[in-house]
Full PDB file with SEQRES, HELIX, SHEET, SSBOND, CRYST1, ORIGX, SCALE, CONECT and MASTER records, all heavy atoms in Angstrom:
SEQRES   1 A   33  ASP PRO ILE VAL TYR ASP GLU ALA ILE THR LEU ILE GLU          
SEQRES   2 A   33  GLU HIS HIS LEU ALA GLY ARG ASP VAL VAL VAL VAL SER          
SEQRES   3 A   33  SER SER GLY VAL GLU VAL VAL                                  
HELIX    1 AA1 ASP A    6  LEU A   17  1                                  12    
CRYST1    1.000    1.000    1.000  90.00  90.00  90.00 P 1           1          
ORIGX1      1.000000  0.000000  0.000000        0.00000                         
ORIGX2      0.000000  1.000000  0.000000        0.00000                         
ORIGX3      0.000000  0.000000  1.000000        0.00000                         
SCALE1      1.000000  0.000000  0.000000        0.00000                         
SCALE2      0.000000  1.000000  0.000000        0.00000                         
SCALE3      0.000000  0.000000  1.000000        0.00000                         
ATOM      1  N   ASP A   1       1.260  36.658 -21.209  1.00  0.00           N  
ATOM      2  CA  ASP A   1       0.771  35.268 -20.903  1.00  0.00           C  
ATOM      3  C   ASP A   1       1.765  34.255 -21.379  1.00  0.00           C  
ATOM      4  O   ASP A   1       2.103  33.308 -20.588  1.00  0.00           O  
ATOM      5  CB  ASP A   1      -0.615  35.011 -21.445  1.00  0.00           C  
ATOM      6  CG  ASP A   1      -1.277  33.861 -20.789  1.00  0.00           C  
ATOM      7  OD1 ASP A   1      -0.657  32.714 -20.923  1.00  0.00           O  
ATOM      8  OD2 ASP A   1      -2.433  33.902 -20.326  1.00  0.00           O  
ATOM      9  N   PRO A   2       2.195  34.265 -22.625  1.00  0.00           N  
ATOM     10  CA  PRO A   2       3.030  33.029 -23.091  1.00  0.00           C  
ATOM     11  C   PRO A   2       4.460  33.094 -22.563  1.00  0.00           C  
ATOM     12  O   PRO A   2       5.227  32.175 -22.818  1.00  0.00           O  
ATOM     13  CB  PRO A   2       2.940  33.266 -24.553  1.00  0.00           C  
ATOM     14  CG  PRO A   2       1.901  34.164 -24.887  1.00  0.00           C  
ATOM     15  CD  PRO A   2       1.879  35.093 -23.684  1.00  0.00           C  
ATOM     16  N   ILE A   3       4.924  34.209 -21.922  1.00  0.00           N  
ATOM     17  CA  ILE A   3       6.315  34.354 -21.585  1.00  0.00           C  
ATOM     18  C   ILE A   3       6.647  34.313 -20.072  1.00  0.00           C  
ATOM     19  O   ILE A   3       7.681  34.685 -19.587  1.00  0.00           O  
ATOM     20  CB  ILE A   3       6.986  35.623 -22.163  1.00  0.00           C  
ATOM     21  CG1 ILE A   3       6.328  36.911 -21.706  1.00  0.00           C  
ATOM     22  CG2 ILE A   3       6.967  35.523 -23.718  1.00  0.00           C  
ATOM     23  CD1 ILE A   3       6.912  38.151 -22.125  1.00  0.00           C  
ATOM     24  N   VAL A   4       5.652  33.825 -19.314  1.00  0.00           N  
ATOM     25  CA  VAL A   4       5.824  33.739 -17.908  1.00  0.00           C  
ATOM     26  C   VAL A   4       6.475  32.386 -17.581  1.00  0.00           C  
ATOM     27  O   VAL A   4       6.180  31.327 -18.158  1.00  0.00           O  
ATOM     28  CB  VAL A   4       4.432  33.728 -17.155  1.00  0.00           C  
ATOM     29  CG1 VAL A   4       4.668  33.531 -15.620  1.00  0.00           C  
ATOM     30  CG2 VAL A   4       3.682  35.045 -17.437  1.00  0.00           C  
ATOM     31  N   TYR A   5       7.532  32.410 -16.702  1.00  0.00           N  
ATOM     32  CA  TYR A   5       8.227  31.215 -16.448  1.00  0.00           C  
ATOM     33  C   TYR A   5       7.422  30.298 -15.503  1.00  0.00           C  
ATOM     34  O   TYR A   5       6.872  30.709 -14.461  1.00  0.00           O  
ATOM     35  CB  TYR A   5       9.577  31.542 -15.700  1.00  0.00           C  
ATOM     36  CG  TYR A   5      10.630  32.072 -16.600  1.00  0.00           C  
ATOM     37  CD1 TYR A   5      11.214  33.252 -16.387  1.00  0.00           C  
ATOM     38  CD2 TYR A   5      11.158  31.313 -17.681  1.00  0.00           C  
ATOM     39  CE1 TYR A   5      12.289  33.722 -17.174  1.00  0.00           C  
ATOM     40  CE2 TYR A   5      12.156  31.719 -18.522  1.00  0.00           C  
ATOM     41  CZ  TYR A   5      12.698  32.932 -18.213  1.00  0.00           C  
ATOM     42  OH  TYR A   5      13.681  33.445 -19.034  1.00  0.00           O  
ATOM     43  N   ASP A   6       7.296  29.026 -15.933  1.00  0.00           N  
ATOM     44  CA  ASP A   6       6.566  28.033 -15.175  1.00  0.00           C  
ATOM     45  C   ASP A   6       7.178  27.906 -13.719  1.00  0.00           C  
ATOM     46  O   ASP A   6       6.459  27.781 -12.719  1.00  0.00           O  
ATOM     47  CB  ASP A   6       6.666  26.663 -15.901  1.00  0.00           C  
ATOM     48  CG  ASP A   6       5.750  25.589 -15.202  1.00  0.00           C  
ATOM     49  OD1 ASP A   6       4.595  25.939 -14.820  1.00  0.00           O  
ATOM     50  OD2 ASP A   6       6.272  24.464 -15.058  1.00  0.00           O  
ATOM     51  N   GLU A   7       8.498  27.918 -13.650  1.00  0.00           N  
ATOM     52  CA  GLU A   7       9.206  27.784 -12.388  1.00  0.00           C  
ATOM     53  C   GLU A   7       8.854  28.948 -11.468  1.00  0.00           C  
ATOM     54  O   GLU A   7       8.772  28.749 -10.184  1.00  0.00           O  
ATOM     55  CB  GLU A   7      10.676  27.676 -12.579  1.00  0.00           C  
ATOM     56  CG  GLU A   7      11.185  26.526 -13.462  1.00  0.00           C  
ATOM     57  CD  GLU A   7      11.319  26.938 -14.833  1.00  0.00           C  
ATOM     58  OE1 GLU A   7      10.661  27.849 -15.318  1.00  0.00           O  
ATOM     59  OE2 GLU A   7      12.153  26.240 -15.542  1.00  0.00           O  
ATOM     60  N   ALA A   8       8.709  30.140 -12.020  1.00  0.00           N  
ATOM     61  CA  ALA A   8       8.397  31.313 -11.223  1.00  0.00           C  
ATOM     62  C   ALA A   8       6.949  31.195 -10.613  1.00  0.00           C  
ATOM     63  O   ALA A   8       6.730  31.558  -9.487  1.00  0.00           O  
ATOM     64  CB  ALA A   8       8.486  32.545 -12.019  1.00  0.00           C  
ATOM     65  N   ILE A   9       6.063  30.740 -11.443  1.00  0.00           N  
ATOM     66  CA  ILE A   9       4.669  30.568 -10.964  1.00  0.00           C  
ATOM     67  C   ILE A   9       4.587  29.522  -9.870  1.00  0.00           C  
ATOM     68  O   ILE A   9       3.901  29.638  -8.902  1.00  0.00           O  
ATOM     69  CB  ILE A   9       3.755  30.144 -12.160  1.00  0.00           C  
ATOM     70  CG1 ILE A   9       3.684  31.280 -13.189  1.00  0.00           C  
ATOM     71  CG2 ILE A   9       2.327  29.884 -11.655  1.00  0.00           C  
ATOM     72  CD1 ILE A   9       3.333  32.653 -12.704  1.00  0.00           C  
ATOM     73  N   THR A  10       5.327  28.441 -10.020  1.00  0.00           N  
ATOM     74  CA  THR A  10       5.379  27.462  -8.941  1.00  0.00           C  
ATOM     75  C   THR A  10       5.900  28.036  -7.646  1.00  0.00           C  
ATOM     76  O   THR A  10       5.357  27.804  -6.590  1.00  0.00           O  
ATOM     77  CB  THR A  10       6.262  26.266  -9.397  1.00  0.00           C  
ATOM     78  OG1 THR A  10       5.751  25.584 -10.606  1.00  0.00           O  
ATOM     79  CG2 THR A  10       6.310  25.256  -8.291  1.00  0.00           C  
ATOM     80  N   LEU A  11       6.976  28.840  -7.711  1.00  0.00           N  
ATOM     81  CA  LEU A  11       7.470  29.441  -6.557  1.00  0.00           C  
ATOM     82  C   LEU A  11       6.446  30.443  -5.897  1.00  0.00           C  
ATOM     83  O   LEU A  11       6.266  30.537  -4.667  1.00  0.00           O  
ATOM     84  CB  LEU A  11       8.771  30.278  -6.863  1.00  0.00           C  
ATOM     85  CG  LEU A  11      10.048  29.481  -6.617  1.00  0.00           C  
ATOM     86  CD1 LEU A  11      11.220  30.423  -7.017  1.00  0.00           C  
ATOM     87  CD2 LEU A  11      10.232  29.172  -5.148  1.00  0.00           C  
ATOM     88  N   ILE A  12       5.784  31.194  -6.679  1.00  0.00           N  
ATOM     89  CA  ILE A  12       4.739  32.123  -6.273  1.00  0.00           C  
ATOM     90  C   ILE A  12       3.652  31.309  -5.475  1.00  0.00           C  
ATOM     91  O   ILE A  12       3.186  31.734  -4.352  1.00  0.00           O  
ATOM     92  CB  ILE A  12       4.082  32.949  -7.398  1.00  0.00           C  
ATOM     93  CG1 ILE A  12       5.135  34.010  -7.904  1.00  0.00           C  
ATOM     94  CG2 ILE A  12       2.819  33.637  -7.011  1.00  0.00           C  
ATOM     95  CD1 ILE A  12       4.715  34.705  -9.121  1.00  0.00           C  
ATOM     96  N   GLU A  13       3.226  30.209  -6.056  1.00  0.00           N  
ATOM     97  CA  GLU A  13       2.206  29.359  -5.461  1.00  0.00           C  
ATOM     98  C   GLU A  13       2.769  28.854  -4.127  1.00  0.00           C  
ATOM     99  O   GLU A  13       2.038  28.791  -3.031  1.00  0.00           O  
ATOM    100  CB  GLU A  13       1.815  28.142  -6.311  1.00  0.00           C  
ATOM    101  CG  GLU A  13       1.103  28.601  -7.611  1.00  0.00           C  
ATOM    102  CD  GLU A  13       1.092  27.505  -8.619  1.00  0.00           C  
ATOM    103  OE1 GLU A  13       1.767  26.476  -8.412  1.00  0.00           O  
ATOM    104  OE2 GLU A  13       0.473  27.644  -9.682  1.00  0.00           O  
ATOM    105  N   GLU A  14       4.040  28.443  -4.178  1.00  0.00           N  
ATOM    106  CA  GLU A  14       4.657  27.887  -2.897  1.00  0.00           C  
ATOM    107  C   GLU A  14       4.587  28.879  -1.741  1.00  0.00           C  
ATOM    108  O   GLU A  14       4.270  28.630  -0.660  1.00  0.00           O  
ATOM    109  CB  GLU A  14       6.041  27.412  -3.135  1.00  0.00           C  
ATOM    110  CG  GLU A  14       6.742  26.855  -1.921  1.00  0.00           C  
ATOM    111  CD  GLU A  14       8.323  26.786  -2.125  1.00  0.00           C  
ATOM    112  OE1 GLU A  14       8.751  26.908  -3.279  1.00  0.00           O  
ATOM    113  OE2 GLU A  14       8.953  26.525  -1.119  1.00  0.00           O  
ATOM    114  N   HIS A  15       5.023  30.048  -2.099  1.00  0.00           N  
ATOM    115  CA  HIS A  15       5.052  31.222  -1.087  1.00  0.00           C  
ATOM    116  C   HIS A  15       3.726  31.568  -0.572  1.00  0.00           C  
ATOM    117  O   HIS A  15       3.493  31.803   0.601  1.00  0.00           O  
ATOM    118  CB  HIS A  15       5.775  32.444  -1.668  1.00  0.00           C  
ATOM    119  CG  HIS A  15       7.234  32.361  -1.798  1.00  0.00           C  
ATOM    120  ND1 HIS A  15       8.041  32.044  -0.643  1.00  0.00           N  
ATOM    121  CD2 HIS A  15       8.075  32.433  -2.864  1.00  0.00           C  
ATOM    122  CE1 HIS A  15       9.272  31.996  -1.017  1.00  0.00           C  
ATOM    123  NE2 HIS A  15       9.337  32.176  -2.378  1.00  0.00           N  
ATOM    124  N   HIS A  16       2.663  31.566  -1.445  1.00  0.00           N  
ATOM    125  CA  HIS A  16       1.322  31.739  -1.004  1.00  0.00           C  
ATOM    126  C   HIS A  16       0.855  30.641  -0.067  1.00  0.00           C  
ATOM    127  O   HIS A  16       0.239  30.949   0.928  1.00  0.00           O  
ATOM    128  CB  HIS A  16       0.329  31.890  -2.176  1.00  0.00           C  
ATOM    129  CG  HIS A  16       0.306  33.317  -2.728  1.00  0.00           C  
ATOM    130  ND1 HIS A  16       0.112  33.562  -4.081  1.00  0.00           N  
ATOM    131  CD2 HIS A  16       0.443  34.539  -2.135  1.00  0.00           C  
ATOM    132  CE1 HIS A  16       0.071  34.859  -4.176  1.00  0.00           C  
ATOM    133  NE2 HIS A  16       0.303  35.511  -3.166  1.00  0.00           N  
ATOM    134  N   LEU A  17       1.175  29.419  -0.423  1.00  0.00           N  
ATOM    135  CA  LEU A  17       0.789  28.348   0.442  1.00  0.00           C  
ATOM    136  C   LEU A  17       1.433  28.364   1.830  1.00  0.00           C  
ATOM    137  O   LEU A  17       0.956  27.974   2.822  1.00  0.00           O  
ATOM    138  CB  LEU A  17       1.108  26.949  -0.192  1.00  0.00           C  
ATOM    139  CG  LEU A  17       0.182  26.555  -1.320  1.00  0.00           C  
ATOM    140  CD1 LEU A  17       0.722  25.398  -2.102  1.00  0.00           C  
ATOM    141  CD2 LEU A  17      -1.197  26.175  -0.791  1.00  0.00           C  
ATOM    142  N   ALA A  18       2.612  29.038   1.848  1.00  0.00           N  
ATOM    143  CA  ALA A  18       3.300  29.173   3.100  1.00  0.00           C  
ATOM    144  C   ALA A  18       2.910  30.423   3.968  1.00  0.00           C  
ATOM    145  O   ALA A  18       3.437  30.661   4.964  1.00  0.00           O  
ATOM    146  CB  ALA A  18       4.822  29.259   2.854  1.00  0.00           C  
ATOM    147  N   GLY A  19       1.873  31.163   3.295  1.00  0.00           N  
ATOM    148  CA  GLY A  19       1.311  32.299   4.046  1.00  0.00           C  
ATOM    149  C   GLY A  19       2.055  33.616   3.787  1.00  0.00           C  
ATOM    150  O   GLY A  19       1.830  34.556   4.514  1.00  0.00           O  
ATOM    151  N   ARG A  20       3.018  33.564   2.811  1.00  0.00           N  
ATOM    152  CA  ARG A  20       3.753  34.823   2.514  1.00  0.00           C  
ATOM    153  C   ARG A  20       3.032  35.683   1.448  1.00  0.00           C  
ATOM    154  O   ARG A  20       2.430  35.081   0.586  1.00  0.00           O  
ATOM    155  CB  ARG A  20       5.119  34.486   1.969  1.00  0.00           C  
ATOM    156  CG  ARG A  20       6.005  33.736   3.010  1.00  0.00           C  
ATOM    157  CD  ARG A  20       7.364  33.460   2.507  1.00  0.00           C  
ATOM    158  NE  ARG A  20       8.017  32.454   3.337  1.00  0.00           N  
ATOM    159  CZ  ARG A  20       8.208  31.152   3.172  1.00  0.00           C  
ATOM    160  NH1 ARG A  20       7.720  30.696   1.901  1.00  0.00           N  
ATOM    161  NH2 ARG A  20       8.745  30.394   3.966  1.00  0.00           N  
ATOM    162  N   ASP A  21       3.131  36.989   1.633  1.00  0.00           N  
ATOM    163  CA  ASP A  21       2.711  37.882   0.576  1.00  0.00           C  
ATOM    164  C   ASP A  21       3.748  37.795  -0.608  1.00  0.00           C  
ATOM    165  O   ASP A  21       4.926  37.571  -0.321  1.00  0.00           O  
ATOM    166  CB  ASP A  21       2.686  39.316   1.071  1.00  0.00           C  
ATOM    167  CG  ASP A  21       1.345  39.636   1.819  1.00  0.00           C  
ATOM    168  OD1 ASP A  21       0.516  38.678   1.962  1.00  0.00           O  
ATOM    169  OD2 ASP A  21       1.222  40.782   2.362  1.00  0.00           O  
ATOM    170  N   VAL A  22       3.200  37.986  -1.764  1.00  0.00           N  
ATOM    171  CA  VAL A  22       4.105  38.062  -2.956  1.00  0.00           C  
ATOM    172  C   VAL A  22       4.067  39.447  -3.494  1.00  0.00           C  
ATOM    173  O   VAL A  22       3.012  40.019  -3.747  1.00  0.00           O  
ATOM    174  CB  VAL A  22       3.674  37.043  -4.017  1.00  0.00           C  
ATOM    175  CG1 VAL A  22       4.379  37.241  -5.351  1.00  0.00           C  
ATOM    176  CG2 VAL A  22       3.862  35.580  -3.582  1.00  0.00           C  
ATOM    177  N   VAL A  23       5.304  40.049  -3.644  1.00  0.00           N  
ATOM    178  CA  VAL A  23       5.382  41.421  -4.128  1.00  0.00           C  
ATOM    179  C   VAL A  23       6.271  41.392  -5.414  1.00  0.00           C  
ATOM    180  O   VAL A  23       7.376  40.978  -5.379  1.00  0.00           O  
ATOM    181  CB  VAL A  23       6.014  42.344  -3.049  1.00  0.00           C  
ATOM    182  CG1 VAL A  23       6.020  43.735  -3.483  1.00  0.00           C  
ATOM    183  CG2 VAL A  23       5.327  42.128  -1.665  1.00  0.00           C  
ATOM    184  N   VAL A  24       5.685  42.010  -6.390  1.00  0.00           N  
ATOM    185  CA  VAL A  24       6.454  42.156  -7.717  1.00  0.00           C  
ATOM    186  C   VAL A  24       7.096  43.542  -7.614  1.00  0.00           C  
ATOM    187  O   VAL A  24       6.498  44.535  -7.402  1.00  0.00           O  
ATOM    188  CB  VAL A  24       5.502  42.033  -8.928  1.00  0.00           C  
ATOM    189  CG1 VAL A  24       6.283  42.501 -10.196  1.00  0.00           C  
ATOM    190  CG2 VAL A  24       5.003  40.692  -9.090  1.00  0.00           C  
ATOM    191  N   VAL A  25       8.461  43.551  -7.907  1.00  0.00           N  
ATOM    192  CA  VAL A  25       9.265  44.797  -7.815  1.00  0.00           C  
ATOM    193  C   VAL A  25       9.932  45.000  -9.080  1.00  0.00           C  
ATOM    194  O   VAL A  25      10.780  44.143  -9.513  1.00  0.00           O  
ATOM    195  CB  VAL A  25      10.301  44.659  -6.579  1.00  0.00           C  
ATOM    196  CG1 VAL A  25      11.045  46.019  -6.495  1.00  0.00           C  
ATOM    197  CG2 VAL A  25       9.676  44.146  -5.318  1.00  0.00           C  
ATOM    198  N   SER A  26       9.561  46.088  -9.766  1.00  0.00           N  
ATOM    199  CA  SER A  26      10.078  46.226 -11.210  1.00  0.00           C  
ATOM    200  C   SER A  26      10.362  47.685 -11.465  1.00  0.00           C  
ATOM    201  O   SER A  26       9.622  48.572 -11.013  1.00  0.00           O  
ATOM    202  CB  SER A  26       8.979  45.695 -12.153  1.00  0.00           C  
ATOM    203  OG  SER A  26       9.414  45.942 -13.500  1.00  0.00           O  
ATOM    204  N   SER A  27      11.367  47.906 -12.292  1.00  0.00           N  
ATOM    205  CA  SER A  27      11.656  49.218 -12.765  1.00  0.00           C  
ATOM    206  C   SER A  27      10.759  49.703 -13.852  1.00  0.00           C  
ATOM    207  O   SER A  27      10.775  50.980 -14.311  1.00  0.00           O  
ATOM    208  CB  SER A  27      13.126  49.400 -13.223  1.00  0.00           C  
ATOM    209  OG  SER A  27      13.396  48.476 -14.193  1.00  0.00           O  
ATOM    210  N   SER A  28       9.883  48.749 -14.371  1.00  0.00           N  
ATOM    211  CA  SER A  28       8.943  49.215 -15.436  1.00  0.00           C  
ATOM    212  C   SER A  28       7.840  49.979 -14.794  1.00  0.00           C  
ATOM    213  O   SER A  28       7.705  50.077 -13.574  1.00  0.00           O  
ATOM    214  CB  SER A  28       8.353  47.919 -16.081  1.00  0.00           C  
ATOM    215  OG  SER A  28       9.289  47.253 -16.829  1.00  0.00           O  
ATOM    216  N   GLY A  29       7.079  50.693 -15.607  1.00  0.00           N  
ATOM    217  CA  GLY A  29       6.125  51.652 -15.171  1.00  0.00           C  
ATOM    218  C   GLY A  29       4.888  50.919 -14.487  1.00  0.00           C  
ATOM    219  O   GLY A  29       4.536  49.793 -14.846  1.00  0.00           O  
ATOM    220  N   VAL A  30       4.267  51.563 -13.578  1.00  0.00           N  
ATOM    221  CA  VAL A  30       3.126  51.018 -12.826  1.00  0.00           C  
ATOM    222  C   VAL A  30       1.994  50.581 -13.744  1.00  0.00           C  
ATOM    223  O   VAL A  30       1.309  49.636 -13.445  1.00  0.00           O  
ATOM    224  CB  VAL A  30       2.694  51.976 -11.719  1.00  0.00           C  
ATOM    225  CG1 VAL A  30       2.059  53.176 -12.313  1.00  0.00           C  
ATOM    226  CG2 VAL A  30       1.638  51.283 -10.840  1.00  0.00           C  
ATOM    227  N   GLU A  31       1.872  51.283 -14.827  1.00  0.00           N  
ATOM    228  CA  GLU A  31       0.738  50.939 -15.720  1.00  0.00           C  
ATOM    229  C   GLU A  31       0.979  49.611 -16.408  1.00  0.00           C  
ATOM    230  O   GLU A  31      -0.052  48.924 -16.853  1.00  0.00           O  
ATOM    231  CB  GLU A  31       0.566  52.022 -16.836  1.00  0.00           C  
ATOM    232  CG  GLU A  31       0.049  53.318 -16.324  1.00  0.00           C  
ATOM    233  CD  GLU A  31       1.071  54.227 -15.680  1.00  0.00           C  
ATOM    234  OE1 GLU A  31       2.290  53.800 -15.791  1.00  0.00           O  
ATOM    235  OE2 GLU A  31       0.842  55.160 -14.989  1.00  0.00           O  
ATOM    236  N   VAL A  32       2.211  49.168 -16.551  1.00  0.00           N  
ATOM    237  CA  VAL A  32       2.490  47.871 -17.018  1.00  0.00           C  
ATOM    238  C   VAL A  32       2.561  46.790 -15.916  1.00  0.00           C  
ATOM    239  O   VAL A  32       2.022  45.703 -16.106  1.00  0.00           O  
ATOM    240  CB  VAL A  32       3.836  47.956 -17.830  1.00  0.00           C  
ATOM    241  CG1 VAL A  32       4.290  46.465 -18.187  1.00  0.00           C  
ATOM    242  CG2 VAL A  32       3.697  48.711 -19.094  1.00  0.00           C  
ATOM    243  N   VAL A  33       3.187  47.193 -14.845  1.00  0.00           N  
ATOM    244  CA  VAL A  33       3.469  46.214 -13.743  1.00  0.00           C  
ATOM    245  C   VAL A  33       2.205  45.788 -13.085  1.00  0.00           C  
ATOM    246  O   VAL A  33       1.990  44.620 -12.612  1.00  0.00           O  
ATOM    247  CB  VAL A  33       4.573  46.768 -12.794  1.00  0.00           C  
ATOM    248  CG1 VAL A  33       4.767  45.786 -11.654  1.00  0.00           C  
ATOM    249  CG2 VAL A  33       5.814  47.081 -13.469  1.00  0.00           C  
TER     250      VAL A  33                                                      
MASTER        0    0    0    1    0    0    0    6  249    1    0    3          
END                                                                             
């Protein structure tokens, strides 16, 4: 929670408002992601 970039959250919100799906793509394990 404390290490999420504010700018990233704003972009995620912007894409959702534009009707786009947001997909997180990470090499970390699914149990974490």
